[in-house]
Full PDB file with SEQRES, HELIX, SHEET, SSBOND, CRYST1, ORIGX, SCALE, CONECT and MASTER records, all heavy atoms in Angstrom:
SEQRES   1 A   42  SER SER GLN GLU GLU ALA ALA LEU HIS THR ALA GLU ALA          
SEQRES   2 A   42  ARG ARG ASP LEU ALA LYS LEU SER LEU ASP ARG GLN LYS          
SEQRES   3 A   42  ASN LEU ARG ALA SER GLY ALA VAL SER GLN SER ASP TYR          
SEQRES   4 A   42  ASP SER ALA                                                  
HELIX    1 AA1 SER A    2  SER A   31  1                                  30    
HELIX    2 AA2 GLN A   36  SER A   41  1                                   6    
CRYST1    1.000    1.000    1.000  90.00  90.00  90.00 P 1           1          
ORIGX1      1.000000  0.000000  0.000000        0.00000                         
ORIGX2      0.000000  1.000000  0.000000        0.00000                         
ORIGX3      0.000000  0.000000  1.000000        0.00000                         
SCALE1      1.000000  0.000000  0.000000        0.00000                         
SCALE2      0.000000  1.000000  0.000000        0.00000                         
SCALE3      0.000000  0.000000  1.000000        0.00000                         
ATOM      1  N   SER A   1      31.223-114.107  35.085  1.00  0.00           N  
ATOM      2  CA  SER A   1      30.688-113.486  33.860  1.00  0.00           C  
ATOM      3  C   SER A   1      31.787-113.223  32.844  1.00  0.00           C  
ATOM      4  O   SER A   1      31.731-112.255  32.089  1.00  0.00           O  
ATOM      5  CB  SER A   1      29.977-112.171  34.218  1.00  0.00           C  
ATOM      6  OG  SER A   1      30.873-111.285  34.875  1.00  0.00           O  
ATOM      7  N   SER A   2      32.818-114.075  32.832  1.00  0.00           N  
ATOM      8  CA  SER A   2      33.929-113.867  31.899  1.00  0.00           C  
ATOM      9  C   SER A   2      33.463-113.947  30.445  1.00  0.00           C  
ATOM     10  O   SER A   2      33.898-113.159  29.599  1.00  0.00           O  
ATOM     11  CB  SER A   2      35.039-114.893  32.164  1.00  0.00           C  
ATOM     12  OG  SER A   2      34.511-116.210  32.116  1.00  0.00           O  
ATOM     13  N   GLN A   3      32.570-114.886  30.131  1.00  0.00           N  
ATOM     14  CA  GLN A   3      32.081-114.995  28.752  1.00  0.00           C  
ATOM     15  C   GLN A   3      31.251-113.768  28.379  1.00  0.00           C  
ATOM     16  O   GLN A   3      31.389-113.226  27.267  1.00  0.00           O  
ATOM     17  CB  GLN A   3      31.244-116.257  28.585  1.00  0.00           C  
ATOM     18  CG  GLN A   3      32.059-117.541  28.660  1.00  0.00           C  
ATOM     19  CD  GLN A   3      31.200-118.763  28.395  1.00  0.00           C  
ATOM     20  OE1 GLN A   3      29.976-118.678  28.354  1.00  0.00           O  
ATOM     21  NE2 GLN A   3      31.842-119.903  28.222  1.00  0.00           N  
ATOM     22  N   GLU A   4      30.444-113.316  29.272  1.00  0.00           N  
ATOM     23  CA  GLU A   4      29.627-112.137  28.994  1.00  0.00           C  
ATOM     24  C   GLU A   4      30.483-110.885  28.836  1.00  0.00           C  
ATOM     25  O   GLU A   4      30.203-110.021  28.004  1.00  0.00           O  
ATOM     26  CB  GLU A   4      28.598-111.939  30.106  1.00  0.00           C  
ATOM     27  CG  GLU A   4      27.475-112.954  30.148  1.00  0.00           C  
ATOM     28  CD  GLU A   4      27.908-114.273  30.771  1.00  0.00           C  
ATOM     29  OE1 GLU A   4      29.059-114.355  31.272  1.00  0.00           O  
ATOM     30  OE2 GLU A   4      27.107-115.222  30.745  1.00  0.00           O  
ATOM     31  N   GLU A   5      31.553-110.786  29.631  1.00  0.00           N  
ATOM     32  CA  GLU A   5      32.435-109.631  29.517  1.00  0.00           C  
ATOM     33  C   GLU A   5      33.190-109.658  28.190  1.00  0.00           C  
ATOM     34  O   GLU A   5      33.419-108.597  27.572  1.00  0.00           O  
ATOM     35  CB  GLU A   5      33.412-109.609  30.694  1.00  0.00           C  
ATOM     36  CG  GLU A   5      32.732-109.279  32.019  1.00  0.00           C  
ATOM     37  CD  GLU A   5      33.676-109.397  33.195  1.00  0.00           C  
ATOM     38  OE1 GLU A   5      34.849-109.770  32.968  1.00  0.00           O  
ATOM     39  OE2 GLU A   5      33.254-109.123  34.327  1.00  0.00           O  
ATOM     40  N   ALA A   6      33.573-110.860  27.738  1.00  0.00           N  
ATOM     41  CA  ALA A   6      34.222-110.964  26.423  1.00  0.00           C  
ATOM     42  C   ALA A   6      33.258-110.546  25.318  1.00  0.00           C  
ATOM     43  O   ALA A   6      33.641-109.828  24.380  1.00  0.00           O  
ATOM     44  CB  ALA A   6      34.722-112.390  26.195  1.00  0.00           C  
ATOM     45  N   ALA A   7      32.019-110.999  25.442  1.00  0.00           N  
ATOM     46  CA  ALA A   7      31.021-110.596  24.451  1.00  0.00           C  
ATOM     47  C   ALA A   7      30.785-109.092  24.497  1.00  0.00           C  
ATOM     48  O   ALA A   7      30.554-108.448  23.464  1.00  0.00           O  
ATOM     49  CB  ALA A   7      29.719-111.360  24.693  1.00  0.00           C  
ATOM     50  N   LEU A   8      30.886-108.500  25.692  1.00  0.00           N  
ATOM     51  CA  LEU A   8      30.724-107.056  25.817  1.00  0.00           C  
ATOM     52  C   LEU A   8      31.844-106.318  25.092  1.00  0.00           C  
ATOM     53  O   LEU A   8      31.597-105.318  24.397  1.00  0.00           O  
ATOM     54  CB  LEU A   8      30.700-106.676  27.300  1.00  0.00           C  
ATOM     55  CG  LEU A   8      30.704-105.182  27.616  1.00  0.00           C  
ATOM     56  CD1 LEU A   8      29.437-104.518  27.057  1.00  0.00           C  
ATOM     57  CD2 LEU A   8      30.812-104.944  29.114  1.00  0.00           C  
ATOM     58  N   HIS A   9      33.103-106.798  25.245  1.00  0.00           N  
ATOM     59  CA  HIS A   9      34.219-106.138  24.567  1.00  0.00           C  
ATOM     60  C   HIS A   9      34.045-106.197  23.053  1.00  0.00           C  
ATOM     61  O   HIS A   9      34.313-105.207  22.342  1.00  0.00           O  
ATOM     62  CB  HIS A   9      35.537-106.807  24.968  1.00  0.00           C  
ATOM     63  CG  HIS A   9      35.837-106.671  26.442  1.00  0.00           C  
ATOM     64  ND1 HIS A   9      35.463-105.584  27.179  1.00  0.00           N  
ATOM     65  CD2 HIS A   9      36.509-107.509  27.296  1.00  0.00           C  
ATOM     66  CE1 HIS A   9      35.858-105.724  28.430  1.00  0.00           C  
ATOM     67  NE2 HIS A   9      36.495-106.900  28.531  1.00  0.00           N  
ATOM     68  N   THR A  10      33.596-107.345  22.553  1.00  0.00           N  
ATOM     69  CA  THR A  10      33.369-107.477  21.112  1.00  0.00           C  
ATOM     70  C   THR A  10      32.289-106.512  20.647  1.00  0.00           C  
ATOM     71  O   THR A  10      32.430-105.826  19.617  1.00  0.00           O  
ATOM     72  CB  THR A  10      32.974-108.914  20.774  1.00  0.00           C  
ATOM     73  OG1 THR A  10      34.017-109.813  21.182  1.00  0.00           O  
ATOM     74  CG2 THR A  10      32.725-109.083  19.280  1.00  0.00           C  
ATOM     75  N   ALA A  11      31.197-106.446  21.437  1.00  0.00           N  
ATOM     76  CA  ALA A  11      30.092-105.561  21.064  1.00  0.00           C  
ATOM     77  C   ALA A  11      30.522-104.095  21.122  1.00  0.00           C  
ATOM     78  O   ALA A  11      30.120-103.277  20.280  1.00  0.00           O  
ATOM     79  CB  ALA A  11      28.901-105.803  21.983  1.00  0.00           C  
ATOM     80  N   GLU A  12      31.362-103.755  22.114  1.00  0.00           N  
ATOM     81  CA  GLU A  12      31.826-102.368  22.205  1.00  0.00           C  
ATOM     82  C   GLU A  12      32.707-102.010  21.013  1.00  0.00           C  
ATOM     83  O   GLU A  12      32.627-100.877  20.489  1.00  0.00           O  
ATOM     84  CB  GLU A  12      32.587-102.171  23.516  1.00  0.00           C  
ATOM     85  CG  GLU A  12      31.691-102.164  24.747  1.00  0.00           C  
ATOM     86  CD  GLU A  12      32.469-102.066  26.037  1.00  0.00           C  
ATOM     87  OE1 GLU A  12      33.673-102.420  26.036  1.00  0.00           O  
ATOM     88  OE2 GLU A  12      31.887-101.668  27.059  1.00  0.00           O  
ATOM     89  N   ALA A  13      33.571-102.967  20.566  1.00  0.00           N  
ATOM     90  CA  ALA A  13      34.428-102.699  19.405  1.00  0.00           C  
ATOM     91  C   ALA A  13      33.590-102.494  18.146  1.00  0.00           C  
ATOM     92  O   ALA A  13      33.840-101.572  17.348  1.00  0.00           O  
ATOM     93  CB  ALA A  13      35.421-103.852  19.213  1.00  0.00           C  
ATOM     94  N   ARG A  14      32.587-103.337  17.941  1.00  0.00           N  
ATOM     95  CA  ARG A  14      31.714-103.188  16.775  1.00  0.00           C  
ATOM     96  C   ARG A  14      30.943-101.863  16.847  1.00  0.00           C  
ATOM     97  O   ARG A  14      30.741-101.189  15.829  1.00  0.00           O  
ATOM     98  CB  ARG A  14      30.749-104.361  16.703  1.00  0.00           C  
ATOM     99  CG  ARG A  14      31.423-105.702  16.375  1.00  0.00           C  
ATOM    100  CD  ARG A  14      30.407-106.834  16.469  1.00  0.00           C  
ATOM    101  NE  ARG A  14      29.341-106.640  15.508  1.00  0.00           N  
ATOM    102  CZ  ARG A  14      29.374-107.089  14.246  1.00  0.00           C  
ATOM    103  NH1 ARG A  14      30.447-107.750  13.807  1.00  0.00           N  
ATOM    104  NH2 ARG A  14      28.357-106.876  13.439  1.00  0.00           N  
ATOM    105  N   ARG A  15      30.517-101.508  18.046  1.00  0.00           N  
ATOM    106  CA  ARG A  15      29.794-100.240  18.171  1.00  0.00           C  
ATOM    107  C   ARG A  15      30.684 -99.042  17.865  1.00  0.00           C  
ATOM    108  O   ARG A  15      30.264 -98.089  17.177  1.00  0.00           O  
ATOM    109  CB  ARG A  15      29.248-100.122  19.606  1.00  0.00           C  
ATOM    110  CG  ARG A  15      28.455 -98.844  19.875  1.00  0.00           C  
ATOM    111  CD  ARG A  15      28.375 -98.564  21.351  1.00  0.00           C  
ATOM    112  NE  ARG A  15      29.722 -98.420  21.939  1.00  0.00           N  
ATOM    113  CZ  ARG A  15      29.952 -98.301  23.238  1.00  0.00           C  
ATOM    114  NH1 ARG A  15      28.954 -98.337  24.095  1.00  0.00           N  
ATOM    115  NH2 ARG A  15      31.197 -98.172  23.684  1.00  0.00           N  
ATOM    116  N   ASP A  16      31.936 -99.085  18.371  1.00  0.00           N  
ATOM    117  CA  ASP A  16      32.850 -97.965  18.120  1.00  0.00           C  
ATOM    118  C   ASP A  16      33.144 -97.827  16.633  1.00  0.00           C  
ATOM    119  O   ASP A  16      33.218 -96.706  16.098  1.00  0.00           O  
ATOM    120  CB  ASP A  16      34.151 -98.173  18.903  1.00  0.00           C  
ATOM    121  CG  ASP A  16      33.931 -98.109  20.409  1.00  0.00           C  
ATOM    122  OD1 ASP A  16      32.866 -97.600  20.828  1.00  0.00           O  
ATOM    123  OD2 ASP A  16      34.800 -98.590  21.162  1.00  0.00           O  
ATOM    124  N   LEU A  17      33.328 -98.975  15.972  1.00  0.00           N  
ATOM    125  CA  LEU A  17      33.564 -98.931  14.527  1.00  0.00           C  
ATOM    126  C   LEU A  17      32.349 -98.387  13.794  1.00  0.00           C  
ATOM    127  O   LEU A  17      32.472 -97.575  12.855  1.00  0.00           O  
ATOM    128  CB  LEU A  17      33.914-100.330  14.014  1.00  0.00           C  
ATOM    129  CG  LEU A  17      34.177-100.429  12.498  1.00  0.00           C  
ATOM    130  CD1 LEU A  17      35.356 -99.536  12.079  1.00  0.00           C  
ATOM    131  CD2 LEU A  17      34.430-101.890  12.094  1.00  0.00           C  
ATOM    132  N   ALA A  18      31.162 -98.824  14.212  1.00  0.00           N  
ATOM    133  CA  ALA A  18      29.941 -98.337  13.584  1.00  0.00           C  
ATOM    134  C   ALA A  18      29.768 -96.835  13.823  1.00  0.00           C  
ATOM    135  O   ALA A  18      29.252 -96.114  12.966  1.00  0.00           O  
ATOM    136  CB  ALA A  18      28.732 -99.109  14.122  1.00  0.00           C  
ATOM    137  N   LYS A  19      30.232 -96.347  14.989  1.00  0.00           N  
ATOM    138  CA  LYS A  19      30.147 -94.918  15.279  1.00  0.00           C  
ATOM    139  C   LYS A  19      31.037 -94.105  14.342  1.00  0.00           C  
ATOM    140  O   LYS A  19      30.628 -93.043  13.832  1.00  0.00           O  
ATOM    141  CB  LYS A  19      30.539 -94.677  16.737  1.00  0.00           C  
ATOM    142  CG  LYS A  19      30.449 -93.204  17.176  1.00  0.00           C  
ATOM    143  CD  LYS A  19      29.017 -92.724  17.175  1.00  0.00           C  
ATOM    144  CE  LYS A  19      28.868 -91.363  17.870  1.00  0.00           C  
ATOM    145  NZ  LYS A  19      29.665 -90.294  17.226  1.00  0.00           N  
ATOM    146  N   LEU A  20      32.266 -94.614  14.090  1.00  0.00           N  
ATOM    147  CA  LEU A  20      33.159 -93.924  13.167  1.00  0.00           C  
ATOM    148  C   LEU A  20      32.579 -93.898  11.762  1.00  0.00           C  
ATOM    149  O   LEU A  20      32.634 -92.864  11.060  1.00  0.00           O  
ATOM    150  CB  LEU A  20      34.527 -94.620  13.157  1.00  0.00           C  
ATOM    151  CG  LEU A  20      35.345 -94.532  14.457  1.00  0.00           C  
ATOM    152  CD1 LEU A  20      36.610 -95.385  14.353  1.00  0.00           C  
ATOM    153  CD2 LEU A  20      35.696 -93.090  14.778  1.00  0.00           C  
ATOM    154  N   SER A  21      32.020 -95.032  11.340  1.00  0.00           N  
ATOM    155  CA  SER A  21      31.406 -95.101  10.009  1.00  0.00           C  
ATOM    156  C   SER A  21      30.223 -94.147   9.905  1.00  0.00           C  
ATOM    157  O   SER A  21      30.033 -93.474   8.882  1.00  0.00           O  
ATOM    158  CB  SER A  21      30.971 -96.529   9.711  1.00  0.00           C  
ATOM    159  OG  SER A  21      30.315 -96.622   8.465  1.00  0.00           O  
ATOM    160  N   LEU A  22      29.429 -94.061  10.963  1.00  0.00           N  
ATOM    161  CA  LEU A  22      28.285 -93.163  10.955  1.00  0.00           C  
ATOM    162  C   LEU A  22      28.732 -91.705  10.864  1.00  0.00           C  
ATOM    163  O   LEU A  22      28.137 -90.894  10.135  1.00  0.00           O  
ATOM    164  CB  LEU A  22      27.439 -93.391  12.217  1.00  0.00           C  
ATOM    165  CG  LEU A  22      26.235 -92.453  12.397  1.00  0.00           C  
ATOM    166  CD1 LEU A  22      25.243 -92.634  11.240  1.00  0.00           C  
ATOM    167  CD2 LEU A  22      25.561 -92.701  13.728  1.00  0.00           C  
ATOM    168  N   ASP A  23      29.810 -91.351  11.602  1.00  0.00           N  
ATOM    169  CA  ASP A  23      30.304 -89.971  11.554  1.00  0.00           C  
ATOM    170  C   ASP A  23      30.791 -89.615  10.152  1.00  0.00           C  
ATOM    171  O   ASP A  23      30.542 -88.489   9.653  1.00  0.00           O  
ATOM    172  CB  ASP A  23      31.432 -89.786  12.570  1.00  0.00           C  
ATOM    173  CG  ASP A  23      30.916 -89.864  14.005  1.00  0.00           C  
ATOM    174  OD1 ASP A  23      29.690 -89.694  14.209  1.00  0.00           O  
ATOM    175  OD2 ASP A  23      31.736 -90.104  14.915  1.00  0.00           O  
ATOM    176  N   ARG A  24      31.499 -90.569   9.471  1.00  0.00           N  
ATOM    177  CA  ARG A  24      31.956 -90.290   8.105  1.00  0.00           C  
ATOM    178  C   ARG A  24      30.777 -90.120   7.156  1.00  0.00           C  
ATOM    179  O   ARG A  24      30.734 -89.190   6.331  1.00  0.00           O  
ATOM    180  CB  ARG A  24      32.866 -91.422   7.616  1.00  0.00           C  
ATOM    181  CG  ARG A  24      34.263 -91.373   8.217  1.00  0.00           C  
ATOM    182  CD  ARG A  24      35.204 -92.279   7.451  1.00  0.00           C  
ATOM    183  NE  ARG A  24      34.796 -93.676   7.555  1.00  0.00           N  
ATOM    184  CZ  ARG A  24      35.269 -94.513   8.477  1.00  0.00           C  
ATOM    185  NH1 ARG A  24      36.135 -94.077   9.397  1.00  0.00           N  
ATOM    186  NH2 ARG A  24      34.864 -95.763   8.520  1.00  0.00           N  
ATOM    187  N   GLN A  25      29.782 -91.007   7.289  1.00  0.00           N  
ATOM    188  CA  GLN A  25      28.611 -90.920   6.427  1.00  0.00           C  
ATOM    189  C   GLN A  25      27.858 -89.606   6.658  1.00  0.00           C  
ATOM    190  O   GLN A  25      27.301 -89.016   5.723  1.00  0.00           O  
ATOM    191  CB  GLN A  25      27.680 -92.108   6.695  1.00  0.00           C  
ATOM    192  CG  GLN A  25      28.233 -93.453   6.272  1.00  0.00           C  
ATOM    193  CD  GLN A  25      28.327 -93.572   4.747  1.00  0.00           C  
ATOM    194  OE1 GLN A  25      27.620 -92.903   4.003  1.00  0.00           O  
ATOM    195  NE2 GLN A  25      29.239 -94.440   4.280  1.00  0.00           N  
ATOM    196  N   LYS A  26      27.866 -89.157   7.919  1.00  0.00           N  
ATOM    197  CA  LYS A  26      27.192 -87.909   8.221  1.00  0.00           C  
ATOM    198  C   LYS A  26      27.868 -86.724   7.530  1.00  0.00           C  
ATOM    199  O   LYS A  26      27.207 -85.837   6.964  1.00  0.00           O  
ATOM    200  CB  LYS A  26      27.168 -87.706   9.737  1.00  0.00           C  
ATOM    201  CG  LYS A  26      26.377 -86.479  10.187  1.00  0.00           C  
ATOM    202  CD  LYS A  26      26.344 -86.402  11.699  1.00  0.00           C  
ATOM    203  CE  LYS A  26      25.515 -85.210  12.164  1.00  0.00           C  
ATOM    204  NZ  LYS A  26      25.459 -85.117  13.638  1.00  0.00           N  
ATOM    205  N   ASN A  27      29.225 -86.723   7.543  1.00  0.00           N  
ATOM    206  CA  ASN A  27      29.952 -85.629   6.896  1.00  0.00           C  
ATOM    207  C   ASN A  27      29.779 -85.673   5.379  1.00  0.00           C  
ATOM    208  O   ASN A  27      29.601 -84.630   4.722  1.00  0.00           O  
ATOM    209  CB  ASN A  27      31.439 -85.702   7.263  1.00  0.00           C  
ATOM    210  CG  ASN A  27      31.678 -85.409   8.734  1.00  0.00           C  
ATOM    211  OD1 ASN A  27      30.922 -84.674   9.357  1.00  0.00           O  
ATOM    212  ND2 ASN A  27      32.742 -85.989   9.286  1.00  0.00           N  
ATOM    213  N   LEU A  28      29.856 -86.886   4.825  1.00  0.00           N  
ATOM    214  CA  LEU A  28      29.687 -87.024   3.369  1.00  0.00           C  
ATOM    215  C   LEU A  28      28.270 -86.683   2.953  1.00  0.00           C  
ATOM    216  O   LEU A  28      28.055 -86.094   1.876  1.00  0.00           O  
ATOM    217  CB  LEU A  28      30.028 -88.451   2.947  1.00  0.00           C  
ATOM    218  CG  LEU A  28      31.507 -88.856   3.082  1.00  0.00           C  
ATOM    219  CD1 LEU A  28      31.691 -90.338   2.774  1.00  0.00           C  
ATOM    220  CD2 LEU A  28      32.390 -87.999   2.159  1.00  0.00           C  
ATOM    221  N   ARG A  29      27.330 -86.996   3.759  1.00  0.00           N  
ATOM    222  CA  ARG A  29      25.941 -86.672   3.425  1.00  0.00           C  
ATOM    223  C   ARG A  29      25.717 -85.168   3.425  1.00  0.00           C  
ATOM    224  O   ARG A  29      24.951 -84.630   2.608  1.00  0.00           O  
ATOM    225  CB  ARG A  29      25.010 -87.350   4.447  1.00  0.00           C  
ATOM    226  CG  ARG A  29      23.532 -87.060   4.222  1.00  0.00           C  
ATOM    227  CD  ARG A  29      23.083 -87.475   2.858  1.00  0.00           C  
ATOM    228  NE  ARG A  29      21.720 -87.051   2.566  1.00  0.00           N  
ATOM    229  CZ  ARG A  29      21.226 -86.915   1.355  1.00  0.00           C  
ATOM    230  NH1 ARG A  29      22.005 -87.166   0.267  1.00  0.00           N  
ATOM    231  NH2 ARG A  29      19.990 -86.531   1.160  1.00  0.00           N  
ATOM    232  N   ALA A  30      26.426 -84.490   4.320  1.00  0.00           N  
ATOM    233  CA  ALA A  30      26.295 -83.033   4.359  1.00  0.00           C  
ATOM    234  C   ALA A  30      26.809 -82.377   3.080  1.00  0.00           C  
ATOM    235  O   ALA A  30      26.288 -81.341   2.644  1.00  0.00           O  
ATOM    236  CB  ALA A  30      27.036 -82.486   5.578  1.00  0.00           C  
ATOM    237  N   SER A  31      27.834 -83.014   2.479  1.00  0.00           N  
ATOM    238  CA  SER A  31      28.392 -82.462   1.224  1.00  0.00           C  
ATOM    239  C   SER A  31      27.715 -83.054  -0.010  1.00  0.00           C  
ATOM    240  O   SER A  31      28.082 -82.718  -1.135  1.00  0.00           O  
ATOM    241  CB  SER A  31      29.901 -82.707   1.158  1.00  0.00           C  
ATOM    242  OG  SER A  31      30.179 -84.107   1.177  1.00  0.00           O  
ATOM    243  N   GLY A  32      26.790 -84.002   0.190  1.00  0.00           N  
ATOM    244  CA  GLY A  32      26.062 -84.616  -0.919  1.00  0.00           C  
ATOM    245  C   GLY A  32      26.824 -85.711  -1.615  1.00  0.00           C  
ATOM    246  O   GLY A  32      26.430 -86.127  -2.725  1.00  0.00           O  
ATOM    247  N   ALA A  33      27.899 -86.239  -0.964  1.00  0.00           N  
ATOM    248  CA  ALA A  33      28.713 -87.269  -1.609  1.00  0.00           C  
ATOM    249  C   ALA A  33      28.095 -88.650  -1.502  1.00  0.00           C  
ATOM    250  O   ALA A  33      28.454 -89.553  -2.291  1.00  0.00           O  
ATOM    251  CB  ALA A  33      30.125 -87.272  -1.008  1.00  0.00           C  
ATOM    252  N   VAL A  34      27.210 -88.889  -0.533  1.00  0.00           N  
ATOM    253  CA  VAL A  34      26.559 -90.197  -0.377  1.00  0.00           C  
ATOM    254  C   VAL A  34      25.056 -89.985  -0.350  1.00  0.00           C  
ATOM    255  O   VAL A  34      24.565 -88.874  -0.080  1.00  0.00           O  
ATOM    256  CB  VAL A  34      27.017 -90.917   0.894  1.00  0.00           C  
ATOM    257  CG1 VAL A  34      28.507 -91.260   0.823  1.00  0.00           C  
ATOM    258  CG2 VAL A  34      26.710 -90.079   2.121  1.00  0.00           C  
ATOM    259  N   SER A  35      24.351 -91.070  -0.600  1.00  0.00           N  
ATOM    260  CA  SER A  35      22.887 -90.993  -0.614  1.00  0.00           C  
ATOM    261  C   SER A  35      22.341 -91.091   0.805  1.00  0.00           C  
ATOM    262  O   SER A  35      23.039 -91.499   1.743  1.00  0.00           O  
ATOM    263  CB  SER A  35      22.311 -92.115  -1.482  1.00  0.00           C  
ATOM    264  OG  SER A  35      22.616 -93.377  -0.900  1.00  0.00           O  
ATOM    265  N   GLN A  36      21.069 -90.753   0.930  1.00  0.00           N  
ATOM    266  CA  GLN A  36      20.396 -90.831   2.222  1.00  0.00           C  
ATOM    267  C   GLN A  36      20.289 -92.266   2.706  1.00  0.00           C  
ATOM    268  O   GLN A  36      20.406 -92.544   3.904  1.00  0.00           O  
ATOM    269  CB  GLN A  36      18.996 -90.206   2.127  1.00  0.00           C  
ATOM    270  CG  GLN A  36      18.200 -90.208   3.432  1.00  0.00           C  
ATOM    271  CD  GLN A  36      18.813 -89.322   4.501  1.00  0.00           C  
ATOM    272  OE1 GLN A  36      19.347 -88.247   4.157  1.00  0.00           O  
ATOM    273  NE2 GLN A  36      18.800 -89.778   5.756  1.00  0.00           N  
ATOM    274  N   SER A  37      20.132 -93.206   1.780  1.00  0.00           N  
ATOM    275  CA  SER A  37      20.012 -94.616   2.162  1.00  0.00           C  
ATOM    276  C   SER A  37      21.304 -95.135   2.754  1.00  0.00           C  
ATOM    277  O   SER A  37      21.294 -95.936   3.698  1.00  0.00           O  
ATOM    278  CB  SER A  37      19.589 -95.458   0.953  1.00  0.00           C  
ATOM    279  OG  SER A  37      20.581 -95.375  -0.066  1.00  0.00           O  
ATOM    280  N   ASP A  38      22.462 -94.704   2.230  1.00  0.00           N  
ATOM    281  CA  ASP A  38      23.740 -95.128   2.807  1.00  0.00           C  
ATOM    282  C   ASP A  38      23.883 -94.594   4.242  1.00  0.00           C  
ATOM    283  O   ASP A  38      24.363 -95.293   5.131  1.00  0.00           O  
ATOM    284  CB  ASP A  38      24.899 -94.624   1.949  1.00  0.00           C  
ATOM    285  CG  ASP A  38      24.950 -95.322   0.582  1.00  0.00           C  
ATOM    286  OD1 ASP A  38      24.397 -96.440   0.480  1.00  0.00           O  
ATOM    287  OD2 ASP A  38      25.515 -94.732  -0.356  1.00  0.00           O  
ATOM    288  N   TYR A  39      23.456 -93.341   4.422  1.00  0.00           N  
ATOM    289  CA  TYR A  39      23.516 -92.769   5.778  1.00  0.00           C  
ATOM    290  C   TYR A  39      22.576 -93.504   6.733  1.00  0.00           C  
ATOM    291  O   TYR A  39      22.944 -93.809   7.875  1.00  0.00           O  
ATOM    292  CB  TYR A  39      23.158 -91.281   5.716  1.00  0.00           C  
ATOM    293  CG  TYR A  39      23.056 -90.647   7.086  1.00  0.00           C  
ATOM    294  CD1 TYR A  39      24.192 -90.307   7.810  1.00  0.00           C  
ATOM    295  CD2 TYR A  39      21.791 -90.425   7.672  1.00  0.00           C  
ATOM    296  CE1 TYR A  39      24.086 -89.746   9.071  1.00  0.00           C  
ATOM    297  CE2 TYR A  39      21.688 -89.871   8.937  1.00  0.00           C  
ATOM    298  CZ  TYR A  39      22.840 -89.527   9.638  1.00  0.00           C  
ATOM    299  OH  TYR A  39      22.732 -88.978  10.892  1.00  0.00           O  
ATOM    300  N   ASP A  40      21.393 -93.835   6.249  1.00  0.00           N  
ATOM    301  CA  ASP A  40      20.441 -94.553   7.109  1.00  0.00           C  
ATOM    302  C   ASP A  40      20.954 -95.931   7.471  1.00  0.00           C  
ATOM    303  O   ASP A  40      20.754 -96.403   8.600  1.00  0.00           O  
ATOM    304  CB  ASP A  40      19.091 -94.659   6.398  1.00  0.00           C  
ATOM    305  CG  ASP A  40      18.401 -93.307   6.257  1.00  0.00           C  
ATOM    306  OD1 ASP A  40      18.771 -92.378   7.004  1.00  0.00           O  
ATOM    307  OD2 ASP A  40      17.499 -93.189   5.404  1.00  0.00           O  
ATOM    308  N   SER A  41      21.628 -96.609   6.545  1.00  0.00           N  
ATOM    309  CA  SER A  41      22.181 -97.937   6.839  1.00  0.00           C  
ATOM    310  C   SER A  41      23.265 -97.854   7.906  1.00  0.00           C  
ATOM    311  O   SER A  41      23.337 -98.688   8.822  1.00  0.00           O  
ATOM    312  CB  SER A  41      22.755 -98.549   5.563  1.00  0.00           C  
ATOM    313  OG  SER A  41      21.738 -98.753   4.612  1.00  0.00           O  
ATOM    314  N   ALA A  42      24.127 -96.814   7.808  1.00  0.00           N  
ATOM    315  CA  ALA A  42      25.174 -96.641   8.819  1.00  0.00           C  
ATOM    316  C   ALA A  42      24.573 -96.338  10.181  1.00  0.00           C  
ATOM    317  O   ALA A  42      25.050 -96.832  11.218  1.00  0.00           O  
ATOM    318  CB  ALA A  42      26.132 -95.522   8.378  1.00  0.00           C  
TER     319      ALA A  42                                                      
MASTER        0    0    0    2    0    0    0    6  318    1    0    4          
END                                                                             
C-alpha cells in the first residue's frame, strides 16, 4: 500500500493546511474582518 500511504500523507498535509486556514478565518470572523461566506468556504 505504498501508493495509498503516499496519497494519505498528501491528504493529511492538505487537511492540516486547511485546518490552519479555518482557524484563522474563525478568529477573523469573530472580529468581523471577513465575511461569513469566506468562513464557510474555509
